Protein backbone atom coordinates (compact mmCIF):
# COMPACT_ATOMS: atom_id res chain seq x y z
CA MET A 1 0.20 0.06 -0.08
CA LYS A 2 1.32 3.62 -0.75
CA ASN A 3 1.44 6.50 1.02
CA SER A 4 -0.73 8.31 -1.85
CA GLU A 5 -3.30 5.50 -1.09
CA ILE A 6 -3.52 5.82 2.88
CA HIS A 7 -3.76 9.49 2.66
CA GLU A 8 -6.73 8.97 0.51
CA LEU A 9 -8.38 6.72 3.59
CA SER A 10 -10.72 7.91 6.11
CA THR A 11 -9.74 7.88 9.56
CA GLU A 12 -12.25 5.20 10.13
CA GLU A 13 -11.01 3.27 7.19
CA VAL A 14 -7.41 3.46 8.33
CA VAL A 15 -8.29 1.85 11.65
CA ALA A 16 -10.43 -0.74 9.64
CA ARG A 17 -7.26 -1.24 7.68
CA ILE A 18 -4.74 -1.91 10.52
CA ASN A 19 -6.76 -4.33 11.86
CA GLU A 20 -7.24 -6.06 8.74
CA GLU A 21 -3.15 -6.08 8.27
CA LYS A 22 -2.76 -6.94 11.80
CA ALA A 23 -4.99 -10.17 11.55
CA ASN A 24 -3.22 -10.60 8.05
CA LEU A 25 0.52 -10.41 9.70
CA THR A 26 -0.59 -12.54 12.29
CA LYS A 27 -1.87 -15.47 9.81
CA LEU A 28 1.21 -14.90 7.80
CA LYS A 29 3.86 -15.79 10.77
CA PHE A 30 1.52 -18.63 11.87
CA ALA A 31 1.78 -19.96 8.46
CA HIS A 32 5.34 -19.26 7.95
CA THR A 33 6.01 -21.49 11.26
CA VAL A 34 3.93 -23.90 10.40
CA SER A 35 5.78 -24.65 6.86
CA ALA A 36 7.58 -22.21 5.01
CA ILE A 37 5.55 -19.90 3.00
CA GLU A 38 6.16 -19.25 -0.83
CA ASN A 39 7.30 -15.34 -0.59
CA PRO A 40 8.16 -14.81 2.86
CA THR A 41 9.03 -10.87 2.14
CA ARG A 42 5.27 -10.54 2.42
CA ILE A 43 5.77 -10.65 6.00
CA THR A 44 7.57 -7.36 5.88
CA LYS A 45 5.64 -5.84 3.40
CA VAL A 46 2.62 -6.32 5.58
CA ARG A 47 4.82 -5.40 9.11
CA LYS A 48 5.62 -2.18 7.15
CA ASP A 49 2.00 -1.55 5.76
CA VAL A 50 0.73 -1.64 9.29
CA ALA A 51 3.69 1.19 10.41
CA ARG A 52 2.72 3.14 7.76
CA LEU A 53 -1.15 3.03 8.51
CA ASN A 54 -0.23 3.42 12.42
CA THR A 55 2.15 6.82 11.49
CA GLU A 56 -1.14 8.14 9.45
CA LEU A 57 -3.37 7.86 12.14
CA THR A 58 -0.82 9.10 14.71
CA LYS A 59 -0.34 12.16 12.34
CA ARG A 60 -3.75 12.73 12.07
CA LYS A 61 -4.79 12.42 16.11
CA ALA A 62 -1.93 14.95 16.53
CA GLU A 63 -3.34 17.41 13.56
CA ALA A 64 -6.67 17.09 15.37
CA ALA A 65 -5.29 17.76 18.86
CA LYS A 66 -3.55 20.70 17.45
CA ALA A 67 -6.75 22.10 15.85
CA ALA A 68 -8.74 21.40 18.92
CA ALA A 69 -5.84 23.06 20.94
CA SER A 70 -5.76 26.47 18.72
CA ALA A 71 -9.81 26.49 18.74
CA GLU A 72 -9.80 26.76 22.59
CA PRO A 73 -7.90 29.92 23.06
CA GLU A 74 -10.58 31.56 20.51
CA SER A 75 -13.37 30.39 22.18
CA ALA A 76 -11.89 31.43 25.55
CA SER A 77 -11.35 34.97 24.42
CA GLU A 78 -14.85 35.92 23.08
């Protein structure tokens, strides 16, 4: 998954994709433990996708907190 694709997702979709990818990663790890999977680099790719999604989610939460913090002083001064 590319970063441009992640930016287009809504926050709810990002959270859903994180859960899906984590479940997929668990299945891949288990399958690789039981018997070697055909392409073990998929584990790395899925792990990096989870990290990208978490980074985007953290960025959005920080932006929301920053927006909320900047909105509070304006309403308090009125």
